[in-house]
């Protein structure tokens, strides 16, 4: 058994697609558009074949500004500490908020956490 994909609602589908293509070299599917349901999505495939679906639908436009039950973050393995440091520096330089790190966590992970263009947390790890 494996997780086939995870999905996230977004406000700006094209901006989010561009972000993941630019920084994480995903391959995007053709856009799916269901006009009747006012729904659009892309599947973004990472090198290791994991997929993230980014979705937009008319009427879904509220975000939480505090911690809440549900998904907390997506973790992306970059291979080694140097890659984590370099990607963290690049994203921070390009204006994406750094939440914490790079650091060694109490449970032994080396990570940093940044926000994507819509404030979703991405954990960059080895």
PDB file of N, CA and C in Angstrom:
ATOM      1  N   UNK A   1       0.827  -1.174   0.000  1.00  0.00           N
ATOM      2  CA  UNK A   1       0.000   0.000   0.000  1.00  0.00           C
ATOM      3  C   UNK A   1       0.882   1.252   0.000  1.00  0.00           C
ATOM      4  N   UNK A   2       0.394   2.296  -0.659  1.00  0.00           N
ATOM      5  CA  UNK A   2       1.109   3.566  -0.644  1.00  0.00           C
ATOM      6  C   UNK A   2       0.107   4.698  -0.810  1.00  0.00           C
ATOM      7  N   UNK A   3       0.509   5.867  -0.402  1.00  0.00           N
ATOM      8  CA  UNK A   3      -0.320   7.044  -0.636  1.00  0.00           C
ATOM      9  C   UNK A   3      -0.154   7.414  -2.096  1.00  0.00           C
ATOM     10  N   UNK A   4      -1.250   7.519  -2.831  1.00  0.00           N
ATOM     11  CA  UNK A   4      -1.206   7.818  -4.256  1.00  0.00           C
ATOM     12  C   UNK A   4      -0.978   9.303  -4.497  1.00  0.00           C
ATOM     13  N   UNK A   5      -1.718  10.141  -3.756  1.00  0.00           N
ATOM     14  CA  UNK A   5      -1.488  11.582  -3.823  1.00  0.00           C
ATOM     15  C   UNK A   5      -2.173  12.258  -2.646  1.00  0.00           C
ATOM     16  N   UNK A   6      -1.793  13.493  -2.401  1.00  0.00           N
ATOM     17  CA  UNK A   6      -2.479  14.353  -1.444  1.00  0.00           C
ATOM     18  C   UNK A   6      -2.944  15.578  -2.213  1.00  0.00           C
ATOM     19  N   UNK A   7      -3.936  16.277  -1.685  1.00  0.00           N
ATOM     20  CA  UNK A   7      -4.503  17.415  -2.406  1.00  0.00           C
ATOM     21  C   UNK A   7      -4.656  18.602  -1.469  1.00  0.00           C
ATOM     22  N   UNK A   8      -4.600  19.793  -2.056  1.00  0.00           N
ATOM     23  CA  UNK A   8      -4.745  21.022  -1.287  1.00  0.00           C
ATOM     24  C   UNK A   8      -5.557  22.032  -2.100  1.00  0.00           C
ATOM     25  N   UNK A   9      -6.470  22.716  -1.416  1.00  0.00           N
ATOM     26  CA  UNK A   9      -7.215  23.803  -2.045  1.00  0.00           C
ATOM     27  C   UNK A   9      -6.321  25.031  -2.106  1.00  0.00           C
ATOM     28  N   UNK A  10      -6.356  25.742  -3.210  1.00  0.00           N
ATOM     29  CA  UNK A  10      -5.558  26.961  -3.376  1.00  0.00           C
ATOM     30  C   UNK A  10      -6.422  28.073  -3.963  1.00  0.00           C
ATOM     31  N   UNK A  11      -5.990  29.309  -3.743  1.00  0.00           N
ATOM     32  CA  UNK A  11      -6.689  30.461  -4.334  1.00  0.00           C
ATOM     33  C   UNK A  11      -6.212  30.713  -5.758  1.00  0.00           C
ATOM     34  N   UNK A  12      -4.882  30.723  -5.943  1.00  0.00           N
ATOM     35  CA  UNK A  12      -4.291  31.061  -7.242  1.00  0.00           C
ATOM     36  C   UNK A  12      -3.601  29.825  -7.810  1.00  0.00           C
ATOM     37  N   UNK A  13      -4.333  29.097  -8.618  1.00  0.00           N
ATOM     38  CA  UNK A  13      -3.859  27.824  -9.161  1.00  0.00           C
ATOM     39  C   UNK A  13      -2.573  27.986  -9.964  1.00  0.00           C
ATOM     40  N   UNK A  14      -2.518  28.981 -10.825  1.00  0.00           N
ATOM     41  CA  UNK A  14      -1.340  29.155 -11.685  1.00  0.00           C
ATOM     42  C   UNK A  14      -0.106  29.579 -10.887  1.00  0.00           C
ATOM     43  N   UNK A  15      -0.297  30.449  -9.913  1.00  0.00           N
ATOM     44  CA  UNK A  15       0.825  30.895  -9.073  1.00  0.00           C
ATOM     45  C   UNK A  15       1.405  29.721  -8.285  1.00  0.00           C
ATOM     46  N   UNK A  16       0.525  28.890  -7.733  1.00  0.00           N
ATOM     47  CA  UNK A  16       0.991  27.737  -6.959  1.00  0.00           C
ATOM     48  C   UNK A  16       1.680  26.713  -7.861  1.00  0.00           C
ATOM     49  N   UNK A  17       1.152  26.497  -9.044  1.00  0.00           N
ATOM     50  CA  UNK A  17       1.793  25.586 -10.005  1.00  0.00           C
ATOM     51  C   UNK A  17       3.195  26.093 -10.334  1.00  0.00           C
ATOM     52  N   UNK A  18       3.307  27.377 -10.599  1.00  0.00           N
ATOM     53  CA  UNK A  18       4.609  27.971 -10.925  1.00  0.00           C
ATOM     54  C   UNK A  18       5.591  27.818  -9.760  1.00  0.00           C
ATOM     55  N   UNK A  19       5.138  28.028  -8.539  1.00  0.00           N
ATOM     56  CA  UNK A  19       5.994  27.885  -7.355  1.00  0.00           C
ATOM     57  C   UNK A  19       6.586  26.475  -7.277  1.00  0.00           C
ATOM     58  N   UNK A  20       5.743  25.460  -7.367  1.00  0.00           N
ATOM     59  CA  UNK A  20       6.228  24.078  -7.255  1.00  0.00           C
ATOM     60  C   UNK A  20       7.100  23.674  -8.445  1.00  0.00           C
ATOM     61  N   UNK A  21       6.786  24.170  -9.629  1.00  0.00           N
ATOM     62  CA  UNK A  21       7.640  23.887 -10.790  1.00  0.00           C
ATOM     63  C   UNK A  21       9.007  24.547 -10.624  1.00  0.00           C
ATOM     64  N   UNK A  22       9.030  25.777 -10.152  1.00  0.00           N
ATOM     65  CA  UNK A  22      10.275  26.537 -10.020  1.00  0.00           C
ATOM     66  C   UNK A  22      11.200  25.965  -8.958  1.00  0.00           C
ATOM     67  N   UNK A  23      10.680  25.675  -7.782  1.00  0.00           N
ATOM     68  CA  UNK A  23      11.533  25.280  -6.662  1.00  0.00           C
ATOM     69  C   UNK A  23      11.679  23.773  -6.490  1.00  0.00           C
ATOM     70  N   UNK A  24      10.703  23.002  -6.921  1.00  0.00           N
ATOM     71  CA  UNK A  24      10.749  21.562  -6.661  1.00  0.00           C
ATOM     72  C   UNK A  24      10.714  20.726  -7.934  1.00  0.00           C
ATOM     73  N   UNK A  25      10.804  21.371  -9.085  1.00  0.00           N
ATOM     74  CA  UNK A  25      10.938  20.713 -10.385  1.00  0.00           C
ATOM     75  C   UNK A  25       9.883  19.636 -10.624  1.00  0.00           C
ATOM     76  N   UNK A  26       8.662  19.920 -10.214  1.00  0.00           N
ATOM     77  CA  UNK A  26       7.573  18.978 -10.456  1.00  0.00           C
ATOM     78  C   UNK A  26       7.181  19.016 -11.924  1.00  0.00           C
ATOM     79  N   UNK A  27       6.563  17.951 -12.356  1.00  0.00           N
ATOM     80  CA  UNK A  27       5.974  17.919 -13.692  1.00  0.00           C
ATOM     81  C   UNK A  27       4.466  18.054 -13.520  1.00  0.00           C
ATOM     82  N   UNK A  28       3.882  19.061 -14.139  1.00  0.00           N
ATOM     83  CA  UNK A  28       2.447  19.314 -13.995  1.00  0.00           C
ATOM     84  C   UNK A  28       1.664  18.606 -15.097  1.00  0.00           C
ATOM     85  N   UNK A  29       0.548  18.053 -14.713  1.00  0.00           N
ATOM     86  CA  UNK A  29      -0.374  17.466 -15.688  1.00  0.00           C
ATOM     87  C   UNK A  29      -1.047  18.590 -16.460  1.00  0.00           C
ATOM     88  N   UNK A  30      -1.795  18.217 -17.468  1.00  0.00           N
ATOM     89  CA  UNK A  30      -2.666  19.192 -18.120  1.00  0.00           C
ATOM     90  C   UNK A  30      -3.708  19.630 -17.094  1.00  0.00           C
ATOM     91  N   UNK A  31      -4.157  20.860 -17.225  1.00  0.00           N
ATOM     92  CA  UNK A  31      -5.173  21.352 -16.282  1.00  0.00           C
ATOM     93  C   UNK A  31      -6.489  20.622 -16.529  1.00  0.00           C
ATOM     94  N   UNK A  32      -7.085  20.170 -15.435  1.00  0.00           N
ATOM     95  CA  UNK A  32      -8.429  19.608 -15.486  1.00  0.00           C
ATOM     96  C   UNK A  32      -9.388  20.734 -15.135  1.00  0.00           C
ATOM     97  N   UNK A  33     -10.446  20.895 -15.905  1.00  0.00           N
ATOM     98  CA  UNK A  33     -11.410  21.956 -15.651  1.00  0.00           C
ATOM     99  C   UNK A  33     -12.824  21.406 -15.827  1.00  0.00           C
ATOM    100  N   UNK A  34     -13.590  21.440 -14.759  1.00  0.00           N
ATOM    101  CA  UNK A  34     -14.987  21.053 -14.809  1.00  0.00           C
ATOM    102  C   UNK A  34     -15.801  22.339 -14.696  1.00  0.00           C
ATOM    103  N   UNK A  35     -16.267  22.845 -15.813  1.00  0.00           N
ATOM    104  CA  UNK A  35     -16.972  24.133 -15.846  1.00  0.00           C
ATOM    105  C   UNK A  35     -18.262  24.101 -15.019  1.00  0.00           C
ATOM    106  N   UNK A  36     -18.964  22.985 -15.077  1.00  0.00           N
ATOM    107  CA  UNK A  36     -20.234  22.881 -14.351  1.00  0.00           C
ATOM    108  C   UNK A  36     -20.021  23.031 -12.841  1.00  0.00           C
ATOM    109  N   UNK A  37     -18.976  22.410 -12.323  1.00  0.00           N
ATOM    110  CA  UNK A  37     -18.687  22.475 -10.881  1.00  0.00           C
ATOM    111  C   UNK A  37     -17.769  23.640 -10.520  1.00  0.00           C
ATOM    112  N   UNK A  38     -17.313  24.388 -11.534  1.00  0.00           N
ATOM    113  CA  UNK A  38     -16.376  25.500 -11.334  1.00  0.00           C
ATOM    114  C   UNK A  38     -15.142  25.039 -10.556  1.00  0.00           C
ATOM    115  N   UNK A  39     -14.577  23.924 -11.028  1.00  0.00           N
ATOM    116  CA  UNK A  39     -13.439  23.271 -10.383  1.00  0.00           C
ATOM    117  C   UNK A  39     -12.307  23.137 -11.378  1.00  0.00           C
ATOM    118  N   UNK A  40     -11.073  23.420 -10.919  1.00  0.00           N
ATOM    119  CA  UNK A  40      -9.872  23.242 -11.737  1.00  0.00           C
ATOM    120  C   UNK A  40      -8.796  22.597 -10.877  1.00  0.00           C
ATOM    121  N   UNK A  41      -7.926  21.803 -11.509  1.00  0.00           N
ATOM    122  CA  UNK A  41      -6.820  21.217 -10.748  1.00  0.00           C
ATOM    123  C   UNK A  41      -5.668  20.824 -11.661  1.00  0.00           C
ATOM    124  N   UNK A  42      -4.523  20.678 -11.026  1.00  0.00           N
ATOM    125  CA  UNK A  42      -3.327  20.102 -11.643  1.00  0.00           C
ATOM    126  C   UNK A  42      -2.820  19.008 -10.719  1.00  0.00           C
ATOM    127  N   UNK A  43      -2.267  17.952 -11.289  1.00  0.00           N
ATOM    128  CA  UNK A  43      -1.486  16.988 -10.536  1.00  0.00           C
ATOM    129  C   UNK A  43      -0.025  17.340 -10.759  1.00  0.00           C
ATOM    130  N   UNK A  44       0.712  17.510  -9.672  1.00  0.00           N
ATOM    131  CA  UNK A  44       2.137  17.832  -9.725  1.00  0.00           C
ATOM    132  C   UNK A  44       2.912  16.597  -9.297  1.00  0.00           C
ATOM    133  N   UNK A  45       3.759  16.075 -10.180  1.00  0.00           N
ATOM    134  CA  UNK A  45       4.505  14.854  -9.898  1.00  0.00           C
ATOM    135  C   UNK A  45       5.942  15.188  -9.560  1.00  0.00           C
ATOM    136  N   UNK A  46       6.389  14.707  -8.404  1.00  0.00           N
ATOM    137  CA  UNK A  46       7.767  14.873  -7.958  1.00  0.00           C
ATOM    138  C   UNK A  46       8.627  13.763  -8.548  1.00  0.00           C
ATOM    139  N   UNK A  47       9.950  13.917  -8.479  1.00  0.00           N
ATOM    140  CA  UNK A  47      10.889  12.942  -9.049  1.00  0.00           C
ATOM    141  C   UNK A  47      10.607  11.511  -8.606  1.00  0.00           C
ATOM    142  N   UNK A  48      10.299  11.335  -7.348  1.00  0.00           N
ATOM    143  CA  UNK A  48      10.104   9.989  -6.815  1.00  0.00           C
ATOM    144  C   UNK A  48       8.689   9.474  -7.072  1.00  0.00           C
ATOM    145  N   UNK A  49       7.938  10.133  -7.907  1.00  0.00           N
ATOM    146  CA  UNK A  49       6.595   9.784  -8.348  1.00  0.00           C
ATOM    147  C   UNK A  49       5.489  10.122  -7.350  1.00  0.00           C
ATOM    148  N   UNK A  50       5.821  10.736  -6.228  1.00  0.00           N
ATOM    149  CA  UNK A  50       4.770  11.223  -5.334  1.00  0.00           C
ATOM    150  C   UNK A  50       4.044  12.358  -6.053  1.00  0.00           C
ATOM    151  N   UNK A  51       2.731  12.489  -5.772  1.00  0.00           N
ATOM    152  CA  UNK A  51       1.967  13.532  -6.457  1.00  0.00           C
ATOM    153  C   UNK A  51       1.220  14.410  -5.457  1.00  0.00           C
ATOM    154  N   UNK A  52       1.145  15.675  -5.817  1.00  0.00           N
ATOM    155  CA  UNK A  52       0.381  16.663  -5.080  1.00  0.00           C
ATOM    156  C   UNK A  52      -0.658  17.222  -6.044  1.00  0.00           C
ATOM    157  N   UNK A  53      -1.916  17.211  -5.633  1.00  0.00           N
ATOM    158  CA  UNK A  53      -2.955  17.812  -6.462  1.00  0.00           C
ATOM    159  C   UNK A  53      -3.263  19.188  -5.886  1.00  0.00           C
ATOM    160  N   UNK A  54      -3.148  20.214  -6.724  1.00  0.00           N
ATOM    161  CA  UNK A  54      -3.563  21.549  -6.319  1.00  0.00           C
ATOM    162  C   UNK A  54      -4.901  21.826  -6.980  1.00  0.00           C
ATOM    163  N   UNK A  55      -5.862  22.326  -6.183  1.00  0.00           N
ATOM    164  CA  UNK A  55      -7.242  22.439  -6.655  1.00  0.00           C
ATOM    165  C   UNK A  55      -7.799  23.823  -6.338  1.00  0.00           C
ATOM    166  N   UNK A  56      -8.650  24.301  -7.230  1.00  0.00           N
ATOM    167  CA  UNK A  56      -9.342  25.570  -7.013  1.00  0.00           C
ATOM    168  C   UNK A  56     -10.805  25.377  -7.388  1.00  0.00           C
ATOM    169  N   UNK A  57     -11.664  25.954  -6.569  1.00  0.00           N
ATOM    170  CA  UNK A  57     -13.101  25.873  -6.835  1.00  0.00           C
ATOM    171  C   UNK A  57     -13.747  27.169  -6.373  1.00  0.00           C
ATOM    172  N   UNK A  58     -14.650  27.678  -7.162  1.00  0.00           N
ATOM    173  CA  UNK A  58     -15.391  28.872  -6.783  1.00  0.00           C
ATOM    174  C   UNK A  58     -16.085  28.638  -5.450  1.00  0.00           C
ATOM    175  N   UNK A  59     -15.957  29.600  -4.537  1.00  0.00           N
ATOM    176  CA  UNK A  59     -16.617  29.509  -3.241  1.00  0.00           C
ATOM    177  C   UNK A  59     -15.731  29.013  -2.117  1.00  0.00           C
ATOM    178  N   UNK A  60     -14.600  28.424  -2.461  1.00  0.00           N
ATOM    179  CA  UNK A  60     -13.669  27.987  -1.421  1.00  0.00           C
ATOM    180  C   UNK A  60     -12.568  29.044  -1.355  1.00  0.00           C
ATOM    181  N   UNK A  61     -12.693  29.930  -0.352  1.00  0.00           N
ATOM    182  CA  UNK A  61     -11.757  31.048  -0.307  1.00  0.00           C
ATOM    183  C   UNK A  61     -11.328  31.455   1.104  1.00  0.00           C
ATOM    184  N   UNK A  62     -11.690  30.676   2.105  1.00  0.00           N
ATOM    185  CA  UNK A  62     -11.312  31.021   3.480  1.00  0.00           C
ATOM    186  C   UNK A  62     -10.082  30.231   3.893  1.00  0.00           C
ATOM    187  N   UNK A  63      -9.168  30.918   4.590  1.00  0.00           N
ATOM    188  CA  UNK A  63      -7.994  30.249   5.129  1.00  0.00           C
ATOM    189  C   UNK A  63      -7.979  30.414   6.638  1.00  0.00           C
ATOM    190  N   UNK A  64      -7.331  29.499   7.305  1.00  0.00           N
ATOM    191  CA  UNK A  64      -7.178  29.569   8.752  1.00  0.00           C
ATOM    192  C   UNK A  64      -5.914  30.357   9.071  1.00  0.00           C
ATOM    193  N   UNK A  65      -5.984  31.184  10.078  1.00  0.00           N
ATOM    194  CA  UNK A  65      -4.799  31.951  10.469  1.00  0.00           C
ATOM    195  C   UNK A  65      -4.169  31.407  11.738  1.00  0.00           C
ATOM    196  N   UNK A  66      -4.715  30.315  12.263  1.00  0.00           N
ATOM    197  CA  UNK A  66      -4.170  29.697  13.468  1.00  0.00           C
ATOM    198  C   UNK A  66      -4.040  28.205  13.239  1.00  0.00           C
ATOM    199  N   UNK A  67      -3.350  27.545  14.166  1.00  0.00           N
ATOM    200  CA  UNK A  67      -3.264  26.097  14.058  1.00  0.00           C
ATOM    201  C   UNK A  67      -4.663  25.505  14.182  1.00  0.00           C
ATOM    202  N   UNK A  68      -4.892  24.410  13.488  1.00  0.00           N
ATOM    203  CA  UNK A  68      -6.194  23.774  13.472  1.00  0.00           C
ATOM    204  C   UNK A  68      -6.025  22.286  13.220  1.00  0.00           C
ATOM    205  N   UNK A  69      -7.058  21.528  13.491  1.00  0.00           N
ATOM    206  CA  UNK A  69      -7.016  20.102  13.195  1.00  0.00           C
ATOM    207  C   UNK A  69      -6.968  19.905  11.694  1.00  0.00           C
ATOM    208  N   UNK A  70      -6.292  18.870  11.261  1.00  0.00           N
ATOM    209  CA  UNK A  70      -6.160  18.595   9.830  1.00  0.00           C
ATOM    210  C   UNK A  70      -4.688  18.533   9.459  1.00  0.00           C
ATOM    211  N   UNK A  71      -4.430  18.528   8.181  1.00  0.00           N
ATOM    212  CA  UNK A  71      -3.051  18.452   7.710  1.00  0.00           C
ATOM    213  C   UNK A  71      -2.249  19.642   8.239  1.00  0.00           C
ATOM    214  N   UNK A  72      -1.016  19.381   8.668  1.00  0.00           N
ATOM    215  CA  UNK A  72      -0.172  20.428   9.241  1.00  0.00           C
ATOM    216  C   UNK A  72       0.837  20.970   8.233  1.00  0.00           C
ATOM    217  N   UNK A  73       1.439  20.082   7.450  1.00  0.00           N
ATOM    218  CA  UNK A  73       2.458  20.498   6.480  1.00  0.00           C
ATOM    219  C   UNK A  73       2.708  19.370   5.492  1.00  0.00           C
ATOM    220  N   UNK A  74       3.451  19.692   4.445  1.00  0.00           N
ATOM    221  CA  UNK A  74       3.971  18.687   3.534  1.00  0.00           C
ATOM    222  C   UNK A  74       5.485  18.696   3.725  1.00  0.00           C
ATOM    223  N   UNK A  75       6.094  17.530   3.792  1.00  0.00           N
ATOM    224  CA  UNK A  75       7.550  17.425   3.944  1.00  0.00           C
ATOM    225  C   UNK A  75       8.142  16.968   2.614  1.00  0.00           C
ATOM    226  N   UNK A  76       9.163  17.698   2.173  1.00  0.00           N
ATOM    227  CA  UNK A  76       9.832  17.365   0.919  1.00  0.00           C
ATOM    228  C   UNK A  76      11.284  17.054   1.226  1.00  0.00           C
ATOM    229  N   UNK A  77      11.711  15.841   0.898  1.00  0.00           N
ATOM    230  CA  UNK A  77      13.087  15.415   1.115  1.00  0.00           C
ATOM    231  C   UNK A  77      13.964  15.937  -0.015  1.00  0.00           C
ATOM    232  N   UNK A  78      15.025  16.639   0.369  1.00  0.00           N
ATOM    233  CA  UNK A  78      15.928  17.238  -0.621  1.00  0.00           C
ATOM    234  C   UNK A  78      17.234  16.458  -0.763  1.00  0.00           C
ATOM    235  N   UNK A  79      17.466  15.463   0.072  1.00  0.00           N
ATOM    236  CA  UNK A  79      18.629  14.601  -0.103  1.00  0.00           C
ATOM    237  C   UNK A  79      19.704  14.717   0.951  1.00  0.00           C
ATOM    238  N   UNK A  80      20.086  15.949   1.299  1.00  0.00           N
ATOM    239  CA  UNK A  80      21.112  16.118   2.327  1.00  0.00           C
ATOM    240  C   UNK A  80      21.007  17.510   2.953  1.00  0.00           C
ATOM    241  N   UNK A  81      21.779  17.711   4.024  1.00  0.00           N
ATOM    242  CA  UNK A  81      21.708  18.975   4.768  1.00  0.00           C
ATOM    243  C   UNK A  81      22.073  20.180   3.908  1.00  0.00           C
ATOM    244  N   UNK A  82      23.101  20.032   3.064  1.00  0.00           N
ATOM    245  CA  UNK A  82      23.496  21.152   2.210  1.00  0.00           C
ATOM    246  C   UNK A  82      22.337  21.592   1.306  1.00  0.00           C
ATOM    247  N   UNK A  83      21.601  20.632   0.767  1.00  0.00           N
ATOM    248  CA  UNK A  83      20.451  20.971  -0.087  1.00  0.00           C
ATOM    249  C   UNK A  83      19.367  21.690   0.710  1.00  0.00           C
ATOM    250  N   UNK A  84      19.142  21.250   1.954  1.00  0.00           N
ATOM    251  CA  UNK A  84      18.164  21.924   2.817  1.00  0.00           C
ATOM    252  C   UNK A  84      18.607  23.363   3.056  1.00  0.00           C
ATOM    253  N   UNK A  85      19.883  23.551   3.391  1.00  0.00           N
ATOM    254  CA  UNK A  85      20.417  24.895   3.641  1.00  0.00           C
ATOM    255  C   UNK A  85      20.299  25.779   2.401  1.00  0.00           C
ATOM    256  N   UNK A  86      20.666  25.235   1.251  1.00  0.00           N
ATOM    257  CA  UNK A  86      20.633  26.011   0.013  1.00  0.00           C
ATOM    258  C   UNK A  86      19.207  26.376  -0.399  1.00  0.00           C
ATOM    259  N   UNK A  87      18.282  25.424  -0.321  1.00  0.00           N
ATOM    260  CA  UNK A  87      16.902  25.704  -0.700  1.00  0.00           C
ATOM    261  C   UNK A  87      16.272  26.696   0.277  1.00  0.00           C
ATOM    262  N   UNK A  88      16.576  26.541   1.551  1.00  0.00           N
ATOM    263  CA  UNK A  88      16.060  27.477   2.556  1.00  0.00           C
ATOM    264  C   UNK A  88      16.535  28.894   2.246  1.00  0.00           C
ATOM    265  N   UNK A  89      17.826  29.033   1.975  1.00  0.00           N
ATOM    266  CA  UNK A  89      18.391  30.351   1.659  1.00  0.00           C
ATOM    267  C   UNK A  89      17.764  30.925   0.389  1.00  0.00           C
ATOM    268  N   UNK A  90      17.578  30.096  -0.618  1.00  0.00           N
ATOM    269  CA  UNK A  90      16.995  30.555  -1.888  1.00  0.00           C
ATOM    270  C   UNK A  90      15.561  31.051  -1.695  1.00  0.00           C
ATOM    271  N   UNK A  91      14.753  30.240  -0.996  1.00  0.00           N
ATOM    272  CA  UNK A  91      13.361  30.619  -0.774  1.00  0.00           C
ATOM    273  C   UNK A  91      13.256  31.882   0.085  1.00  0.00           C
ATOM    274  N   UNK A  92      14.094  31.967   1.120  1.00  0.00           N
ATOM    275  CA  UNK A  92      14.094  33.151   1.985  1.00  0.00           C
ATOM    276  C   UNK A  92      14.504  34.388   1.181  1.00  0.00           C
ATOM    277  N   UNK A  93      15.542  34.260   0.344  1.00  0.00           N
ATOM    278  CA  UNK A  93      16.008  35.370  -0.500  1.00  0.00           C
ATOM    279  C   UNK A  93      14.912  35.816  -1.464  1.00  0.00           C
ATOM    280  N   UNK A  94      14.115  34.856  -1.955  1.00  0.00           N
ATOM    281  CA  UNK A  94      13.049  35.162  -2.901  1.00  0.00           C
ATOM    282  C   UNK A  94      11.772  35.658  -2.221  1.00  0.00           C
ATOM    283  N   UNK A  95      11.826  35.821  -0.894  1.00  0.00           N
ATOM    284  CA  UNK A  95      10.722  36.450  -0.180  1.00  0.00           C
ATOM    285  C   UNK A  95       9.713  35.536   0.481  1.00  0.00           C
ATOM    286  N   UNK A  96       9.986  34.242   0.510  1.00  0.00           N
ATOM    287  CA  UNK A  96       9.055  33.328   1.161  1.00  0.00           C
ATOM    288  C   UNK A  96       9.388  33.261   2.647  1.00  0.00           C
ATOM    289  N   UNK A  97       8.375  33.374   3.513  1.00  0.00           N
ATOM    290  CA  UNK A  97       8.624  33.413   4.955  1.00  0.00           C
ATOM    291  C   UNK A  97       9.253  32.125   5.486  1.00  0.00           C
ATOM    292  N   UNK A  98      10.305  32.298   6.274  1.00  0.00           N
ATOM    293  CA  UNK A  98      10.945  31.181   6.967  1.00  0.00           C
ATOM    294  C   UNK A  98      10.298  31.075   8.338  1.00  0.00           C
ATOM    295  N   UNK A  99       9.699  29.938   8.639  1.00  0.00           N
ATOM    296  CA  UNK A  99       9.037  29.723   9.920  1.00  0.00           C
ATOM    297  C   UNK A  99      10.062  29.313  10.969  1.00  0.00           C
ATOM    298  N   UNK A 100      10.962  28.385  10.603  1.00  0.00           N
ATOM    299  CA  UNK A 100      12.068  28.019  11.497  1.00  0.00           C
ATOM    300  C   UNK A 100      13.119  27.219  10.743  1.00  0.00           C
ATOM    301  N   UNK A 101      14.286  27.130  11.361  1.00  0.00           N
ATOM    302  CA  UNK A 101      15.384  26.352  10.810  1.00  0.00           C
ATOM    303  C   UNK A 101      16.280  27.163   9.900  1.00  0.00           C
ATOM    304  N   UNK A 102      17.170  26.450   9.254  1.00  0.00           N
ATOM    305  CA  UNK A 102      17.431  25.016   9.366  1.00  0.00           C
ATOM    306  C   UNK A 102      17.913  24.646  10.779  1.00  0.00           C
ATOM    307  N   UNK A 103      17.508  23.451  11.191  1.00  0.00           N
ATOM    308  CA  UNK A 103      17.830  23.010  12.542  1.00  0.00           C
ATOM    309  C   UNK A 103      17.742  21.492  12.633  1.00  0.00           C
ATOM    310  N   UNK A 104      18.372  20.963  13.660  1.00  0.00           N
ATOM    311  CA  UNK A 104      18.250  19.552  13.999  1.00  0.00           C
ATOM    312  C   UNK A 104      17.165  19.462  15.061  1.00  0.00           C
ATOM    313  N   UNK A 105      16.107  18.730  14.788  1.00  0.00           N
ATOM    314  CA  UNK A 105      14.990  18.633  15.730  1.00  0.00           C
ATOM    315  C   UNK A 105      15.314  17.647  16.843  1.00  0.00           C
ATOM    316  N   UNK A 106      14.504  17.669  17.881  1.00  0.00           N
ATOM    317  CA  UNK A 106      14.693  16.768  19.011  1.00  0.00           C
ATOM    318  C   UNK A 106      14.585  15.304  18.634  1.00  0.00           C
ATOM    319  N   UNK A 107      13.857  15.001  17.568  1.00  0.00           N
ATOM    320  CA  UNK A 107      13.731  13.598  17.149  1.00  0.00           C
ATOM    321  C   UNK A 107      14.707  13.232  16.034  1.00  0.00           C
ATOM    322  N   UNK A 108      15.699  14.129  15.789  1.00  0.00           N
ATOM    323  CA  UNK A 108      16.786  13.786  14.891  1.00  0.00           C
ATOM    324  C   UNK A 108      16.642  14.189  13.437  1.00  0.00           C
ATOM    325  N   UNK A 109      15.590  14.899  13.078  1.00  0.00           N
ATOM    326  CA  UNK A 109      15.435  15.367  11.702  1.00  0.00           C
ATOM    327  C   UNK A 109      16.180  16.675  11.498  1.00  0.00           C
ATOM    328  N   UNK A 110      16.772  16.826  10.333  1.00  0.00           N
ATOM    329  CA  UNK A 110      17.340  18.114   9.951  1.00  0.00           C
ATOM    330  C   UNK A 110      16.331  18.741   9.014  1.00  0.00           C
ATOM    331  N   UNK A 111      15.874  19.940   9.365  1.00  0.00           N
ATOM    332  CA  UNK A 111      14.784  20.528   8.600  1.00  0.00           C
ATOM    333  C   UNK A 111      14.759  22.039   8.706  1.00  0.00           C
ATOM    334  N   UNK A 112      14.019  22.622   7.801  1.00  0.00           N
ATOM    335  CA  UNK A 112      13.557  23.998   7.935  1.00  0.00           C
ATOM    336  C   UNK A 112      12.120  24.003   7.467  1.00  0.00           C
ATOM    337  N   UNK A 113      11.379  25.024   7.867  1.00  0.00           N
ATOM    338  CA  UNK A 113       9.976  25.132   7.478  1.00  0.00           C
ATOM    339  C   UNK A 113       9.763  26.507   6.859  1.00  0.00           C
ATOM    340  N   UNK A 114       9.186  26.514   5.675  1.00  0.00           N
ATOM    341  CA  UNK A 114       8.882  27.763   4.979  1.00  0.00           C
ATOM    342  C   UNK A 114       7.392  27.785   4.643  1.00  0.00           C
ATOM    343  N   UNK A 115       6.901  28.961   4.252  1.00  0.00           N
ATOM    344  CA  UNK A 115       5.531  29.079   3.776  1.00  0.00           C
ATOM    345  C   UNK A 115       5.545  29.195   2.261  1.00  0.00           C
ATOM    346  N   UNK A 116       4.600  28.523   1.610  1.00  0.00           N
ATOM    347  CA  UNK A 116       4.446  28.683   0.165  1.00  0.00           C
ATOM    348  C   UNK A 116       3.722  30.006  -0.108  1.00  0.00           C
ATOM    349  N   UNK A 117       3.432  30.352  -1.347  1.00  0.00           N
ATOM    350  CA  UNK A 117       2.803  31.645  -1.633  1.00  0.00           C
ATOM    351  C   UNK A 117       1.460  31.886  -0.952  1.00  0.00           C
ATOM    352  N   UNK A 118       0.787  30.825  -0.507  1.00  0.00           N
ATOM    353  CA  UNK A 118      -0.512  30.997   0.147  1.00  0.00           C
ATOM    354  C   UNK A 118      -0.455  30.682   1.640  1.00  0.00           C
ATOM    355  N   UNK A 119       0.768  30.553   2.182  1.00  0.00           N
ATOM    356  CA  UNK A 119       0.926  30.370   3.625  1.00  0.00           C
ATOM    357  C   UNK A 119       0.881  28.940   4.109  1.00  0.00           C
ATOM    358  N   UNK A 120       0.830  27.970   3.200  1.00  0.00           N
ATOM    359  CA  UNK A 120       0.879  26.564   3.605  1.00  0.00           C
ATOM    360  C   UNK A 120       2.311  26.226   3.994  1.00  0.00           C
ATOM    361  N   UNK A 121       2.453  25.376   5.009  1.00  0.00           N
ATOM    362  CA  UNK A 121       3.789  25.038   5.498  1.00  0.00           C
ATOM    363  C   UNK A 121       4.410  23.905   4.691  1.00  0.00           C
ATOM    364  N   UNK A 122       5.678  24.125   4.330  1.00  0.00           N
ATOM    365  CA  UNK A 122       6.479  23.113   3.655  1.00  0.00           C
ATOM    366  C   UNK A 122       7.711  22.857   4.507  1.00  0.00           C
ATOM    367  N   UNK A 123       7.880  21.612   4.914  1.00  0.00           N
ATOM    368  CA  UNK A 123       9.055  21.199   5.664  1.00  0.00           C
ATOM    369  C   UNK A 123      10.091  20.696   4.679  1.00  0.00           C
ATOM    370  N   UNK A 124      11.224  21.342   4.673  1.00  0.00           N
ATOM    371  CA  UNK A 124      12.350  20.915   3.824  1.00  0.00           C
ATOM    372  C   UNK A 124      13.235  20.041   4.696  1.00  0.00           C
ATOM    373  N   UNK A 125      13.477  18.822   4.265  1.00  0.00           N
ATOM    374  CA  UNK A 125      14.236  17.889   5.092  1.00  0.00           C
ATOM    375  C   UNK A 125      15.185  17.070   4.235  1.00  0.00           C
ATOM    376  N   UNK A 126      16.034  16.319   4.933  1.00  0.00           N
ATOM    377  CA  UNK A 126      16.981  15.431   4.260  1.00  0.00           C
ATOM    378  C   UNK A 126      16.192  14.265   3.713  1.00  0.00           C
TER     379      UNK A 126
END
